[in-house]
């Protein structure tokens, strides 16, 4: 099973980029931070392109909100299906109970003696 993606704070990313700018090697910093070296290059490029708005996290947050909304919708659908199936099960149980109730009632048969019905 795949591991969940790690999320890094804005401060962590900025600190990593500043260390790269200070002259640390990408390979050594990647090992220290336990981050893929390509990810460090991406963070540096994003920071250089837009230093004030880099690492805002907007894209990730929208994706998570969409996922949560989809999961909530699925839960609602499953709750409706469960209610429907419970109703069907109740109806089946009621139908099965009817023949059992009628079988328990005493049957009436004519006896040859004195014309009275016999109870079995």
C-alpha atoms as a PDB file:
ATOM      1  CA  UNK A   1       0.000   0.000   0.000  1.00  0.00           C
ATOM      2  CA  UNK A   2       1.337   3.431  -0.905  1.00  0.00           C
ATOM      3  CA  UNK A   3       2.273   5.810   1.859  1.00  0.00           C
ATOM      4  CA  UNK A   4       0.320   9.030   2.288  1.00  0.00           C
ATOM      5  CA  UNK A   5       2.027  12.081   0.888  1.00  0.00           C
ATOM      6  CA  UNK A   6       3.799  14.224   3.409  1.00  0.00           C
ATOM      7  CA  UNK A   7       2.782  17.857   3.727  1.00  0.00           C
ATOM      8  CA  UNK A   8       5.424  20.455   4.403  1.00  0.00           C
ATOM      9  CA  UNK A   9       4.717  23.847   5.929  1.00  0.00           C
ATOM     10  CA  UNK A  10       5.495  27.060   4.098  1.00  0.00           C
ATOM     11  CA  UNK A  11       8.178  27.839   6.679  1.00  0.00           C
ATOM     12  CA  UNK A  12       9.887  24.477   6.111  1.00  0.00           C
ATOM     13  CA  UNK A  13      10.012  25.048   2.354  1.00  0.00           C
ATOM     14  CA  UNK A  14      11.327  28.598   2.689  1.00  0.00           C
ATOM     15  CA  UNK A  15      14.019  27.438   5.125  1.00  0.00           C
ATOM     16  CA  UNK A  16      15.066  24.720   2.675  1.00  0.00           C
ATOM     17  CA  UNK A  17      15.280  27.232  -0.193  1.00  0.00           C
ATOM     18  CA  UNK A  18      17.303  29.650   1.953  1.00  0.00           C
ATOM     19  CA  UNK A  19      19.767  26.900   2.804  1.00  0.00           C
ATOM     20  CA  UNK A  20      20.125  26.134  -0.918  1.00  0.00           C
ATOM     21  CA  UNK A  21      20.780  29.824  -1.603  1.00  0.00           C
ATOM     22  CA  UNK A  22      23.375  29.849   1.181  1.00  0.00           C
ATOM     23  CA  UNK A  23      25.385  27.264  -0.737  1.00  0.00           C
ATOM     24  CA  UNK A  24      24.346  23.896   0.694  1.00  0.00           C
ATOM     25  CA  UNK A  25      24.452  21.074  -1.850  1.00  0.00           C
ATOM     26  CA  UNK A  26      21.107  19.775  -3.080  1.00  0.00           C
ATOM     27  CA  UNK A  27      22.049  16.141  -2.473  1.00  0.00           C
ATOM     28  CA  UNK A  28      23.193  16.680   1.116  1.00  0.00           C
ATOM     29  CA  UNK A  29      20.211  18.896   1.989  1.00  0.00           C
ATOM     30  CA  UNK A  30      17.814  16.373   0.443  1.00  0.00           C
ATOM     31  CA  UNK A  31      19.286  13.629   2.632  1.00  0.00           C
ATOM     32  CA  UNK A  32      19.118  15.785   5.761  1.00  0.00           C
ATOM     33  CA  UNK A  33      15.523  16.837   5.160  1.00  0.00           C
ATOM     34  CA  UNK A  34      14.504  13.424   3.774  1.00  0.00           C
ATOM     35  CA  UNK A  35      13.131  15.051   0.641  1.00  0.00           C
ATOM     36  CA  UNK A  36      13.603  14.140  -2.989  1.00  0.00           C
ATOM     37  CA  UNK A  37      16.263  16.390  -4.591  1.00  0.00           C
ATOM     38  CA  UNK A  38      13.877  17.187  -7.455  1.00  0.00           C
ATOM     39  CA  UNK A  39      11.413  18.544  -4.925  1.00  0.00           C
ATOM     40  CA  UNK A  40      14.048  20.965  -3.638  1.00  0.00           C
ATOM     41  CA  UNK A  41      14.608  22.215  -7.191  1.00  0.00           C
ATOM     42  CA  UNK A  42      10.859  22.709  -7.627  1.00  0.00           C
ATOM     43  CA  UNK A  43      10.601  24.644  -4.373  1.00  0.00           C
ATOM     44  CA  UNK A  44      13.565  26.858  -5.333  1.00  0.00           C
ATOM     45  CA  UNK A  45      12.029  27.590  -8.763  1.00  0.00           C
ATOM     46  CA  UNK A  46       8.624  28.412  -7.227  1.00  0.00           C
ATOM     47  CA  UNK A  47      10.227  30.731  -4.688  1.00  0.00           C
ATOM     48  CA  UNK A  48      12.306  32.513  -7.344  1.00  0.00           C
ATOM     49  CA  UNK A  49       9.272  33.032  -9.596  1.00  0.00           C
ATOM     50  CA  UNK A  50       7.020  34.498  -6.903  1.00  0.00           C
ATOM     51  CA  UNK A  51       8.697  34.953  -3.524  1.00  0.00           C
ATOM     52  CA  UNK A  52       5.720  36.576  -1.775  1.00  0.00           C
ATOM     53  CA  UNK A  53       3.067  34.077  -2.826  1.00  0.00           C
ATOM     54  CA  UNK A  54       5.111  30.880  -3.110  1.00  0.00           C
ATOM     55  CA  UNK A  55       3.871  27.877  -1.157  1.00  0.00           C
ATOM     56  CA  UNK A  56       0.425  29.284  -0.436  1.00  0.00           C
ATOM     57  CA  UNK A  57      -1.064  25.813  -0.550  1.00  0.00           C
ATOM     58  CA  UNK A  58      -4.206  26.935  -2.365  1.00  0.00           C
ATOM     59  CA  UNK A  59      -4.149  24.136  -4.920  1.00  0.00           C
ATOM     60  CA  UNK A  60      -3.749  21.403  -2.345  1.00  0.00           C
ATOM     61  CA  UNK A  61      -6.475  22.779  -0.112  1.00  0.00           C
ATOM     62  CA  UNK A  62      -8.986  22.933  -2.978  1.00  0.00           C
ATOM     63  CA  UNK A  63      -8.177  19.347  -3.873  1.00  0.00           C
ATOM     64  CA  UNK A  64      -8.773  18.232  -0.290  1.00  0.00           C
ATOM     65  CA  UNK A  65     -12.080  20.146  -0.110  1.00  0.00           C
ATOM     66  CA  UNK A  66     -13.208  18.465  -3.312  1.00  0.00           C
ATOM     67  CA  UNK A  67     -12.263  15.069  -1.943  1.00  0.00           C
ATOM     68  CA  UNK A  68     -14.132  15.731   1.312  1.00  0.00           C
ATOM     69  CA  UNK A  69     -17.227  16.841  -0.610  1.00  0.00           C
ATOM     70  CA  UNK A  70     -17.095  13.696  -2.760  1.00  0.00           C
ATOM     71  CA  UNK A  71     -16.753  11.481   0.309  1.00  0.00           C
ATOM     72  CA  UNK A  72     -19.661  13.225   2.052  1.00  0.00           C
ATOM     73  CA  UNK A  73     -21.794  12.707  -1.061  1.00  0.00           C
ATOM     74  CA  UNK A  74     -20.857   9.026  -1.150  1.00  0.00           C
ATOM     75  CA  UNK A  75     -21.719   8.629   2.552  1.00  0.00           C
ATOM     76  CA  UNK A  76     -25.132  10.187   1.921  1.00  0.00           C
ATOM     77  CA  UNK A  77     -25.764   7.855  -1.013  1.00  0.00           C
ATOM     78  CA  UNK A  78     -24.741   4.817   1.039  1.00  0.00           C
ATOM     79  CA  UNK A  79     -26.985   5.902   3.931  1.00  0.00           C
ATOM     80  CA  UNK A  80     -29.937   6.045   1.536  1.00  0.00           C
ATOM     81  CA  UNK A  81     -29.090   2.602   0.160  1.00  0.00           C
ATOM     82  CA  UNK A  82     -28.811   1.158   3.679  1.00  0.00           C
ATOM     83  CA  UNK A  83     -32.231   2.581   4.610  1.00  0.00           C
ATOM     84  CA  UNK A  84     -33.754   1.113   1.441  1.00  0.00           C
ATOM     85  CA  UNK A  85     -32.225  -2.306   2.089  1.00  0.00           C
ATOM     86  CA  UNK A  86     -33.398  -2.286   5.724  1.00  0.00           C
ATOM     87  CA  UNK A  87     -36.947  -1.589   4.540  1.00  0.00           C
ATOM     88  CA  UNK A  88     -36.736  -4.464   2.044  1.00  0.00           C
ATOM     89  CA  UNK A  89     -35.418  -6.794   4.718  1.00  0.00           C
ATOM     90  CA  UNK A  90     -38.286  -5.869   7.074  1.00  0.00           C
ATOM     91  CA  UNK A  91     -40.812  -6.582   4.326  1.00  0.00           C
ATOM     92  CA  UNK A  92     -39.226  -9.971   3.611  1.00  0.00           C
ATOM     93  CA  UNK A  93     -39.267 -10.877   7.290  1.00  0.00           C
ATOM     94  CA  UNK A  94     -42.961  -9.931   7.502  1.00  0.00           C
ATOM     95  CA  UNK A  95     -43.755 -12.083   4.452  1.00  0.00           C
ATOM     96  CA  UNK A  96     -41.896 -15.034   5.927  1.00  0.00           C
ATOM     97  CA  UNK A  97     -43.710 -14.640   9.242  1.00  0.00           C
ATOM     98  CA  UNK A  98     -47.187 -14.855   7.635  1.00  0.00           C
ATOM     99  CA  UNK A  99     -47.023 -18.557   6.610  1.00  0.00           C
ATOM    100  CA  UNK A 100     -45.617 -19.457  10.022  1.00  0.00           C
ATOM    101  CA  UNK A 101     -48.533 -17.755  11.783  1.00  0.00           C
ATOM    102  CA  UNK A 102     -51.140 -19.457   9.613  1.00  0.00           C
ATOM    103  CA  UNK A 103     -49.508 -22.856  10.167  1.00  0.00           C
ATOM    104  CA  UNK A 104     -49.814 -22.460  13.945  1.00  0.00           C
ATOM    105  CA  UNK A 105     -53.596 -22.009  13.827  1.00  0.00           C
ATOM    106  CA  UNK A 106     -55.451 -25.221  14.613  1.00  0.00           C
ATOM    107  CA  UNK A 107     -57.000 -26.899  11.614  1.00  0.00           C
ATOM    108  CA  UNK A 108     -60.656 -27.871  11.745  1.00  0.00           C
ATOM    109  CA  UNK A 109     -61.627 -31.364  10.499  1.00  0.00           C
ATOM    110  CA  UNK A 110     -64.930 -33.206  10.765  1.00  0.00           C
ATOM    111  CA  UNK A 111     -65.037 -36.123  13.062  1.00  0.00           C
ATOM    112  CA  UNK A 112     -67.255 -39.062  12.326  1.00  0.00           C
ATOM    113  CA  UNK A 113     -68.440 -39.078  15.933  1.00  0.00           C
ATOM    114  CA  UNK A 114     -71.218 -36.727  16.954  1.00  0.00           C
ATOM    115  CA  UNK A 115     -70.607 -34.289  14.024  1.00  0.00           C
ATOM    116  CA  UNK A 116     -68.233 -32.099  16.015  1.00  0.00           C
ATOM    117  CA  UNK A 117     -65.139 -30.648  14.424  1.00  0.00           C
ATOM    118  CA  UNK A 118     -61.937 -32.190  15.654  1.00  0.00           C
ATOM    119  CA  UNK A 119     -59.085 -29.974  16.757  1.00  0.00           C
ATOM    120  CA  UNK A 120     -55.637 -31.196  15.943  1.00  0.00           C
END
